[in-house]
PDB file of N, CA and C in Angstrom:
ATOM      1  N   MET A   1       8.323  -1.182   8.277  1.00  0.00           N
ATOM      2  CA  MET A   1       7.306  -0.227   8.671  1.00  0.00           C
ATOM      3  C   MET A   1       8.032   1.333   8.321  1.00  0.00           C
ATOM      4  N   THR A   2       9.058   1.247   8.546  1.00  0.00           N
ATOM      5  CA  THR A   2       9.843   2.512   8.838  1.00  0.00           C
ATOM      6  C   THR A   2       9.768   3.126   6.859  1.00  0.00           C
ATOM      7  N   PHE A   3      10.293   2.394   6.149  1.00  0.00           N
ATOM      8  CA  PHE A   3      10.182   2.569   4.681  1.00  0.00           C
ATOM      9  C   PHE A   3       8.578   3.091   4.613  1.00  0.00           C
ATOM     10  N   ILE A   4       7.654   2.522   4.913  1.00  0.00           N
ATOM     11  CA  ILE A   4       6.169   3.259   4.241  1.00  0.00           C
ATOM     12  C   ILE A   4       5.992   4.296   4.962  1.00  0.00           C
ATOM     13  N   LEU A   5       6.645   4.488   6.657  1.00  0.00           N
ATOM     14  CA  LEU A   5       6.029   6.193   6.849  1.00  0.00           C
ATOM     15  C   LEU A   5       7.002   6.958   6.097  1.00  0.00           C
ATOM     16  N   SER A   6       8.347   6.496   5.798  1.00  0.00           N
ATOM     17  CA  SER A   6       9.344   7.410   4.837  1.00  0.00           C
ATOM     18  C   SER A   6       8.385   7.641   3.595  1.00  0.00           C
ATOM     19  N   LEU A   7       7.730   6.716   3.126  1.00  0.00           N
ATOM     20  CA  LEU A   7       7.127   7.155   1.691  1.00  0.00           C
ATOM     21  C   LEU A   7       5.603   8.522   2.089  1.00  0.00           C
ATOM     22  N   ILE A   8       5.231   7.878   3.003  1.00  0.00           N
ATOM     23  CA  ILE A   8       4.012   8.570   3.764  1.00  0.00           C
ATOM     24  C   ILE A   8       4.345   9.989   3.945  1.00  0.00           C
ATOM     25  N   GLY A   9       5.623  10.297   4.301  1.00  0.00           N
ATOM     26  CA  GLY A   9       5.913  11.390   4.657  1.00  0.00           C
ATOM     27  C   GLY A   9       6.630  12.129   3.351  1.00  0.00           C
ATOM     28  N   ASN A  10       7.416  11.520   2.566  1.00  0.00           N
ATOM     29  CA  ASN A  10       7.341  12.378   1.183  1.00  0.00           C
ATOM     30  C   ASN A  10       6.255  12.649   0.252  1.00  0.00           C
ATOM     31  N   ILE A  11       5.272  11.673   0.260  1.00  0.00           N
ATOM     32  CA  ILE A  11       3.850  12.284  -0.049  1.00  0.00           C
ATOM     33  C   ILE A  11       3.583  13.870   0.069  1.00  0.00           C
ATOM     34  N   ILE A  12       3.069  13.748   1.625  1.00  0.00           N
ATOM     35  CA  ILE A  12       3.008  14.569   2.283  1.00  0.00           C
ATOM     36  C   ILE A  12       3.816  16.102   1.856  1.00  0.00           C
ATOM     37  N   LEU A  13       5.455  16.028   2.252  1.00  0.00           N
ATOM     38  CA  LEU A  13       6.220  16.777   1.821  1.00  0.00           C
ATOM     39  C   LEU A  13       6.225  16.930   0.401  1.00  0.00           C
ATOM     40  N   GLY A  14       5.938  15.871  -0.360  1.00  0.00           N
ATOM     41  CA  GLY A  14       5.472  16.526  -2.276  1.00  0.00           C
ATOM     42  C   GLY A  14       4.493  17.512  -2.283  1.00  0.00           C
ATOM     43  N   ALA A  15       3.548  17.623  -1.442  1.00  0.00           N
ATOM     44  CA  ALA A  15       2.693  18.627  -1.632  1.00  0.00           C
ATOM     45  C   ALA A  15       3.162  19.964  -1.338  1.00  0.00           C
ATOM     46  N   ILE A  16       4.052  19.884  -0.173  1.00  0.00           N
ATOM     47  CA  ILE A  16       4.443  21.283  -0.162  1.00  0.00           C
ATOM     48  C   ILE A  16       5.663  21.934  -1.258  1.00  0.00           C
ATOM     49  N   VAL A  17       6.600  20.812  -1.344  1.00  0.00           N
ATOM     50  CA  VAL A  17       7.353  20.767  -2.736  1.00  0.00           C
ATOM     51  C   VAL A  17       7.041  21.678  -3.936  1.00  0.00           C
ATOM     52  N   GLY A  18       5.585  20.930  -4.430  1.00  0.00           N
ATOM     53  CA  GLY A  18       5.189  21.149  -5.234  1.00  0.00           C
ATOM     54  C   GLY A  18       4.448  23.017  -5.257  1.00  0.00           C
ATOM     55  N   TYR A  19       4.061  23.421  -4.223  1.00  0.00           N
ATOM     56  CA  TYR A  19       3.614  24.783  -4.090  1.00  0.00           C
ATOM     57  C   TYR A  19       4.997  25.592  -4.109  1.00  0.00           C
ATOM     58  N   ALA A  20       5.993  25.128  -3.251  1.00  0.00           N
ATOM     59  CA  ALA A  20       7.386  25.305  -3.390  1.00  0.00           C
ATOM     60  C   ALA A  20       7.683  25.964  -4.487  1.00  0.00           C
ATOM     61  N   ALA A  21       7.738  25.023  -5.409  1.00  0.00           N
ATOM     62  CA  ALA A  21       8.302  25.124  -6.511  1.00  0.00           C
ATOM     63  C   ALA A  21       7.801  25.751  -7.346  1.00  0.00           C
ATOM     64  N   ARG A  22       6.477  25.902  -7.295  1.00  0.00           N
ATOM     65  CA  ARG A  22       5.419  26.882  -8.130  1.00  0.00           C
ATOM     66  C   ARG A  22       6.298  28.537  -7.881  1.00  0.00           C
ATOM     67  N   ALA A  23       6.255  28.402  -6.607  1.00  0.00           N
ATOM     68  CA  ALA A  23       6.249  30.082  -6.213  1.00  0.00           C
ATOM     69  C   ALA A  23       7.518  30.211  -6.479  1.00  0.00           C
ATOM     70  N   VAL A  24       8.684  29.590  -7.090  1.00  0.00           N
ATOM     71  CA  VAL A  24      10.019  30.259  -7.314  1.00  0.00           C
ATOM     72  C   VAL A  24       9.656  30.133  -8.989  1.00  0.00           C
ATOM     73  N   LEU A  25       8.931  29.815  -9.594  1.00  0.00           N
ATOM     74  CA  LEU A  25       8.886  29.692 -10.652  1.00  0.00           C
ATOM     75  C   LEU A  25       8.376  31.253 -10.948  1.00  0.00           C
ATOM     76  N   PRO A  26       8.840  31.987 -12.023  1.00  0.00           N
ATOM     77  CA  PRO A  26       8.460  33.194 -12.758  1.00  0.00           C
ATOM     78  C   PRO A  26       7.201  33.095 -13.382  1.00  0.00           C
ATOM     79  N   GLY A  27       6.716  34.069 -13.145  1.00  0.00           N
ATOM     80  CA  GLY A  27       4.682  34.336 -13.857  1.00  0.00           C
ATOM     81  C   GLY A  27       3.711  33.125 -13.263  1.00  0.00           C
ATOM     82  N   ALA A  28       2.565  33.104 -13.419  1.00  0.00           N
ATOM     83  CA  ALA A  28       1.793  31.864 -13.110  1.00  0.00           C
ATOM     84  C   ALA A  28       1.723  30.942 -13.872  1.00  0.00           C
ATOM     85  N   GLN A  29       1.570  29.853 -13.535  1.00  0.00           N
ATOM     86  CA  GLN A  29       1.386  28.576 -13.575  1.00  0.00           C
ATOM     87  C   GLN A  29      -0.039  28.074 -13.472  1.00  0.00           C
ATOM     88  N   ASP A  30      -0.745  28.257 -14.488  1.00  0.00           N
ATOM     89  CA  ASP A  30      -2.141  28.155 -14.445  1.00  0.00           C
ATOM     90  C   ASP A  30      -2.455  26.303 -14.354  1.00  0.00           C
ATOM     91  N   ILE A  31      -1.794  25.659 -13.372  1.00  0.00           N
ATOM     92  CA  ILE A  31      -2.371  24.103 -13.606  1.00  0.00           C
ATOM     93  C   ILE A  31      -2.971  23.870 -11.847  1.00  0.00           C
ATOM     94  N   GLY A  32      -3.607  23.229 -12.146  1.00  0.00           N
ATOM     95  CA  GLY A  32      -4.603  22.645 -10.721  1.00  0.00           C
ATOM     96  C   GLY A  32      -3.848  22.002  -9.816  1.00  0.00           C
ATOM     97  N   VAL A  33      -4.561  21.671  -8.472  1.00  0.00           N
ATOM     98  CA  VAL A  33      -3.693  21.146  -7.252  1.00  0.00           C
ATOM     99  C   VAL A  33      -3.380  20.061  -7.662  1.00  0.00           C
ATOM    100  N   PRO A  34      -4.024  19.107  -8.062  1.00  0.00           N
ATOM    101  CA  PRO A  34      -3.567  17.143  -8.035  1.00  0.00           C
ATOM    102  C   PRO A  34      -2.357  17.833  -9.182  1.00  0.00           C
ATOM    103  N   GLN A  35      -2.416  18.232 -10.142  1.00  0.00           N
ATOM    104  CA  GLN A  35      -1.058  18.352 -10.986  1.00  0.00           C
ATOM    105  C   GLN A  35       0.095  18.804 -10.040  1.00  0.00           C
ATOM    106  N   THR A  36      -0.335  19.811  -9.206  1.00  0.00           N
ATOM    107  CA  THR A  36       1.040  20.610  -8.532  1.00  0.00           C
ATOM    108  C   THR A  36       1.592  19.417  -7.832  1.00  0.00           C
ATOM    109  N   ILE A  37       0.568  18.959  -6.709  1.00  0.00           N
ATOM    110  CA  ILE A  37       1.138  17.865  -5.930  1.00  0.00           C
ATOM    111  C   ILE A  37       1.237  16.706  -6.516  1.00  0.00           C
ATOM    112  N   GLY A  38       1.148  16.057  -7.625  1.00  0.00           N
ATOM    113  CA  GLY A  38       1.793  15.399  -8.548  1.00  0.00           C
ATOM    114  C   GLY A  38       3.110  15.558  -8.947  1.00  0.00           C
ATOM    115  N   VAL A  39       3.537  16.542  -9.161  1.00  0.00           N
ATOM    116  CA  VAL A  39       4.568  16.934  -9.713  1.00  0.00           C
ATOM    117  C   VAL A  39       5.691  16.819  -8.542  1.00  0.00           C
ATOM    118  N   GLY A  40       4.912  17.508  -7.477  1.00  0.00           N
ATOM    119  CA  GLY A  40       6.054  17.906  -6.154  1.00  0.00           C
ATOM    120  C   GLY A  40       6.039  16.284  -5.774  1.00  0.00           C
ATOM    121  N   VAL A  41       5.158  15.296  -5.714  1.00  0.00           N
ATOM    122  CA  VAL A  41       5.680  13.992  -4.849  1.00  0.00           C
ATOM    123  C   VAL A  41       6.273  13.140  -5.396  1.00  0.00           C
ATOM    124  N   ILE A  42       6.197  13.496  -7.408  1.00  0.00           N
ATOM    125  CA  ILE A  42       7.183  12.855  -7.964  1.00  0.00           C
ATOM    126  C   ILE A  42       9.059  13.285  -7.639  1.00  0.00           C
ATOM    127  N   ALA A  43       9.028  14.640  -7.813  1.00  0.00           N
ATOM    128  CA  ALA A  43      10.377  15.345  -7.225  1.00  0.00           C
ATOM    129  C   ALA A  43      10.735  14.720  -5.852  1.00  0.00           C
ATOM    130  N   SER A  44       9.744  14.550  -4.871  1.00  0.00           N
ATOM    131  CA  SER A  44      10.043  14.512  -3.519  1.00  0.00           C
ATOM    132  C   SER A  44      10.506  12.760  -3.366  1.00  0.00           C
ATOM    133  N   LEU A  45      10.021  11.805  -4.395  1.00  0.00           N
ATOM    134  CA  LEU A  45      10.509  10.647  -4.608  1.00  0.00           C
ATOM    135  C   LEU A  45      11.814  10.439  -5.027  1.00  0.00           C
ATOM    136  N   ILE A  46      11.803  11.389  -6.078  1.00  0.00           N
ATOM    137  CA  ILE A  46      13.416  11.227  -6.759  1.00  0.00           C
ATOM    138  C   ILE A  46      14.151  11.702  -6.101  1.00  0.00           C
ATOM    139  N   GLY A  47      13.843  13.003  -5.056  1.00  0.00           N
ATOM    140  CA  GLY A  47      14.745  13.479  -4.020  1.00  0.00           C
ATOM    141  C   GLY A  47      15.206  12.731  -3.023  1.00  0.00           C
ATOM    142  N   PHE A  48      14.017  11.649  -2.660  1.00  0.00           N
ATOM    143  CA  PHE A  48      14.324  10.706  -1.346  1.00  0.00           C
ATOM    144  C   PHE A  48      15.686   9.782  -2.008  1.00  0.00           C
ATOM    145  N   PHE A  49      15.167   9.269  -2.871  1.00  0.00           N
ATOM    146  CA  PHE A  49      16.155   8.090  -3.425  1.00  0.00           C
ATOM    147  C   PHE A  49      17.158   8.342  -3.742  1.00  0.00           C
ATOM    148  N   VAL A  50      17.199   9.430  -4.773  1.00  0.00           N
ATOM    149  CA  VAL A  50      18.401   9.561  -5.345  1.00  0.00           C
ATOM    150  C   VAL A  50      19.653  10.438  -4.225  1.00  0.00           C
ATOM    151  N   PHE A  51      18.995  11.416  -3.840  1.00  0.00           N
ATOM    152  CA  PHE A  51      19.742  12.635  -3.027  1.00  0.00           C
ATOM    153  C   PHE A  51      19.796  12.147  -1.541  1.00  0.00           C
ATOM    154  N   SER A  52      19.546  11.113  -1.067  1.00  0.00           N
ATOM    155  CA  SER A  52      19.069  10.822   0.421  1.00  0.00           C
ATOM    156  C   SER A  52      20.349  10.525   1.181  1.00  0.00           C
ATOM    157  N   TRP A  53      21.607  10.812   0.255  1.00  0.00           N
ATOM    158  CA  TRP A  53      22.933  10.785   1.248  1.00  0.00           C
ATOM    159  C   TRP A  53      23.051  12.399   1.757  1.00  0.00           C
ATOM    160  N   PHE A  54      22.520  13.224   1.411  1.00  0.00           N
ATOM    161  CA  PHE A  54      22.915  14.697   1.523  1.00  0.00           C
ATOM    162  C   PHE A  54      22.055  15.035   2.824  1.00  0.00           C
ATOM    163  N   TRP A  55      22.527  15.872   3.578  1.00  0.00           N
ATOM    164  CA  TRP A  55      22.140  16.791   4.654  1.00  0.00           C
ATOM    165  C   TRP A  55      20.613  17.169   4.149  1.00  0.00           C
ATOM    166  N   LEU A  56      19.646  17.153   5.247  1.00  0.00           N
ATOM    167  CA  LEU A  56      18.101  17.113   4.775  1.00  0.00           C
ATOM    168  C   LEU A  56      17.879  18.491   4.496  1.00  0.00           C
ATOM    169  N   PRO A  57      18.480  19.798   4.507  1.00  0.00           N
ATOM    170  CA  PRO A  57      17.669  20.726   3.643  1.00  0.00           C
ATOM    171  C   PRO A  57      18.569  20.963   2.467  1.00  0.00           C
ATOM    172  N   ILE A  58      19.343  20.273   2.125  1.00  0.00           N
ATOM    173  CA  ILE A  58      20.358  20.666   0.859  1.00  0.00           C
ATOM    174  C   ILE A  58      19.247  19.579   0.007  1.00  0.00           C
ATOM    175  N   THR A  59      18.847  18.359   0.539  1.00  0.00           N
ATOM    176  CA  THR A  59      17.927  17.601  -0.640  1.00  0.00           C
ATOM    177  C   THR A  59      16.561  18.187  -0.398  1.00  0.00           C
ATOM    178  N   PHE A  60      15.947  18.968   0.554  1.00  0.00           N
ATOM    179  CA  PHE A  60      15.014  19.670   0.100  1.00  0.00           C
ATOM    180  C   PHE A  60      14.795  20.637  -0.997  1.00  0.00           C
ATOM    181  N   VAL A  61      16.111  21.699  -0.875  1.00  0.00           N
ATOM    182  CA  VAL A  61      16.134  22.720  -2.176  1.00  0.00           C
ATOM    183  C   VAL A  61      16.437  21.633  -3.249  1.00  0.00           C
ATOM    184  N   ILE A  62      16.931  20.513  -3.593  1.00  0.00           N
ATOM    185  CA  ILE A  62      17.148  20.083  -4.719  1.00  0.00           C
ATOM    186  C   ILE A  62      15.797  19.471  -5.212  1.00  0.00           C
ATOM    187  N   THR A  63      14.977  19.117  -3.994  1.00  0.00           N
ATOM    188  CA  THR A  63      13.624  18.352  -4.447  1.00  0.00           C
ATOM    189  C   THR A  63      12.478  19.607  -5.286  1.00  0.00           C
ATOM    190  N   ILE A  64      13.052  21.103  -4.565  1.00  0.00           N
ATOM    191  CA  ILE A  64      12.374  22.047  -5.239  1.00  0.00           C
ATOM    192  C   ILE A  64      12.421  22.386  -6.507  1.00  0.00           C
ATOM    193  N   VAL A  65      14.047  22.264  -6.985  1.00  0.00           N
ATOM    194  CA  VAL A  65      14.561  22.604  -8.126  1.00  0.00           C
ATOM    195  C   VAL A  65      13.977  21.371  -9.121  1.00  0.00           C
ATOM    196  N   LEU A  66      13.919  20.287  -8.560  1.00  0.00           N
ATOM    197  CA  LEU A  66      13.429  19.266  -9.508  1.00  0.00           C
ATOM    198  C   LEU A  66      11.891  19.376  -9.645  1.00  0.00           C
ATOM    199  N   ALA A  67      11.392  20.034  -8.671  1.00  0.00           N
ATOM    200  CA  ALA A  67       9.838  20.096  -8.953  1.00  0.00           C
ATOM    201  C   ALA A  67       9.277  21.287 -10.232  1.00  0.00           C
ATOM    202  N   ALA A  68      10.625  22.476  -9.805  1.00  0.00           N
ATOM    203  CA  ALA A  68      10.538  23.611 -10.497  1.00  0.00           C
ATOM    204  C   ALA A  68      10.580  23.295 -12.043  1.00  0.00           C
ATOM    205  N   ALA A  69      11.659  22.352 -12.153  1.00  0.00           N
ATOM    206  CA  ALA A  69      12.110  21.605 -13.648  1.00  0.00           C
ATOM    207  C   ALA A  69      10.984  21.300 -13.902  1.00  0.00           C
ATOM    208  N   GLY A  70      10.331  20.080 -13.382  1.00  0.00           N
ATOM    209  CA  GLY A  70       9.241  19.115 -13.850  1.00  0.00           C
ATOM    210  C   GLY A  70       7.913  20.320 -14.192  1.00  0.00           C
ATOM    211  N   ILE A  71       7.325  21.095 -13.515  1.00  0.00           N
ATOM    212  CA  ILE A  71       6.387  21.988 -13.661  1.00  0.00           C
ATOM    213  C   ILE A  71       6.753  22.740 -15.144  1.00  0.00           C
ATOM    214  N   SER A  72       7.893  23.250 -14.634  1.00  0.00           N
ATOM    215  CA  SER A  72       8.201  24.382 -16.076  1.00  0.00           C
ATOM    216  C   SER A  72       8.545  23.394 -17.717  1.00  0.00           C
ATOM    217  N   PHE A  73       8.480  22.264 -17.539  1.00  0.00           N
ATOM    218  CA  PHE A  73       8.934  20.912 -18.487  1.00  0.00           C
ATOM    219  C   PHE A  73       7.388  20.752 -18.985  1.00  0.00           C
ATOM    220  N   GLY A  74       6.810  20.515 -17.870  1.00  0.00           N
ATOM    221  CA  GLY A  74       5.570  20.076 -18.047  1.00  0.00           C
ATOM    222  C   GLY A  74       4.464  20.877 -18.740  1.00  0.00           C
ATOM    223  N   ILE A  75       4.586  21.880 -18.697  1.00  0.00           N
ATOM    224  CA  ILE A  75       3.592  23.009 -19.192  1.00  0.00           C
ATOM    225  C   ILE A  75       4.286  23.517 -20.629  1.00  0.00           C
ATOM    226  N   LYS A  76       5.833  23.624 -20.684  1.00  0.00           N
ATOM    227  CA  LYS A  76       6.071  23.998 -21.861  1.00  0.00           C
ATOM    228  C   LYS A  76       5.649  22.643 -23.128  1.00  0.00           C
ATOM    229  N   GLN A  77       5.567  21.244 -22.502  1.00  0.00           N
ATOM    230  CA  GLN A  77       5.437  20.097 -23.446  1.00  0.00           C
ATOM    231  C   GLN A  77       3.963  19.731 -23.479  1.00  0.00           C
ATOM    232  N   GLY A  78       3.012  20.359 -22.667  1.00  0.00           N
ATOM    233  CA  GLY A  78       1.549  20.372 -22.577  1.00  0.00           C
ATOM    234  C   GLY A  78       1.070  19.156 -21.671  1.00  0.00           C
ATOM    235  N   PHE A  79       2.164  18.480 -20.907  1.00  0.00           N
ATOM    236  CA  PHE A  79       1.539  17.139 -19.794  1.00  0.00           C
ATOM    237  C   PHE A  79       0.806  17.878 -19.228  1.00  0.00           C
ATOM    238  N   LEU A  80       1.401  18.995 -18.624  1.00  0.00           N
ATOM    239  CA  LEU A  80       0.419  19.686 -17.873  1.00  0.00           C
ATOM    240  C   LEU A  80      -0.597  20.626 -18.393  1.00  0.00           C
ATOM    241  N   LYS A  81      -1.902  20.368 -17.975  1.00  0.00           N
ATOM    242  CA  LYS A  81      -3.153  21.218 -18.765  1.00  0.00           C
ATOM    243  C   LYS A  81      -3.281  22.394 -17.737  1.00  0.00           C
ATOM    244  N   PRO A  82      -3.709  23.531 -18.473  1.00  0.00           N
ATOM    245  CA  PRO A  82      -4.277  24.554 -17.454  1.00  0.00           C
ATOM    246  C   PRO A  82      -5.459  24.159 -16.520  1.00  0.00           C
ATOM    247  N   ASN A  83      -5.855  24.590 -15.452  1.00  0.00           N
ATOM    248  CA  ASN A  83      -6.645  24.451 -14.467  1.00  0.00           C
ATOM    249  C   ASN A  83      -8.159  24.626 -15.235  1.00  0.00           C
ATOM    250  N   GLN A  84      -8.970  23.914 -15.511  1.00  0.00           N
ATOM    251  CA  GLN A  84     -10.535  24.289 -16.194  1.00  0.00           C
ATOM    252  C   GLN A  84     -11.380  25.259 -15.881  1.00  0.00           C
ATOM    253  N   GLY A  85     -11.203  25.254 -14.082  1.00  0.00           N
ATOM    254  CA  GLY A  85     -12.085  26.324 -13.847  1.00  0.00           C
ATOM    255  C   GLY A  85     -11.201  27.941 -13.384  1.00  0.00           C
ATOM    256  N   SER A  86     -10.417  28.226 -14.173  1.00  0.00           N
ATOM    257  CA  SER A  86      -9.409  29.367 -14.049  1.00  0.00           C
ATOM    258  C   SER A  86      -9.951  30.217 -14.563  1.00  0.00           C
ATOM    259  N   ILE A  87      -9.213  31.588 -14.532  1.00  0.00           N
ATOM    260  CA  ILE A  87      -9.657  32.935 -15.008  1.00  0.00           C
ATOM    261  C   ILE A  87      -8.457  32.877 -15.813  1.00  0.00           C
ATOM    262  N   ASP A  88      -8.791  33.887 -16.967  1.00  0.00           N
ATOM    263  CA  ASP A  88      -7.883  34.109 -17.561  1.00  0.00           C
ATOM    264  C   ASP A  88      -6.741  35.179 -17.465  1.00  0.00           C
ATOM    265  N   ARG A  89      -5.582  34.956 -17.299  1.00  0.00           N
ATOM    266  CA  ARG A  89      -4.995  35.981 -16.521  1.00  0.00           C
ATOM    267  C   ARG A  89      -3.982  36.773 -17.762  1.00  0.00           C
ATOM    268  N   ALA A  90      -5.019  37.580 -18.140  1.00  0.00           N
ATOM    269  CA  ALA A  90      -3.901  38.402 -19.454  1.00  0.00           C
ATOM    270  C   ALA A  90      -2.823  39.511 -19.007  1.00  0.00           C
TER     271      ALA A  90
END
């Protein structure tokens, strides 16, 4: 039961991490909400399983860095597609 609650907590934390990662990246990332949450959840789960022996605030910072790297890499490689309903920001 504790594992499931931790997993649910990390999914919720992943949404926060995804938006925090987009905030620390320079410029506009024109990706949708599901993609932002998805990258944040993946980074949160990696951070939870790999860096769980660290103190929680340090793990949170590492997770945001992982999510920012994931968003940047995903956009450059074309894995994360631009938001369909977005306005062109020239």
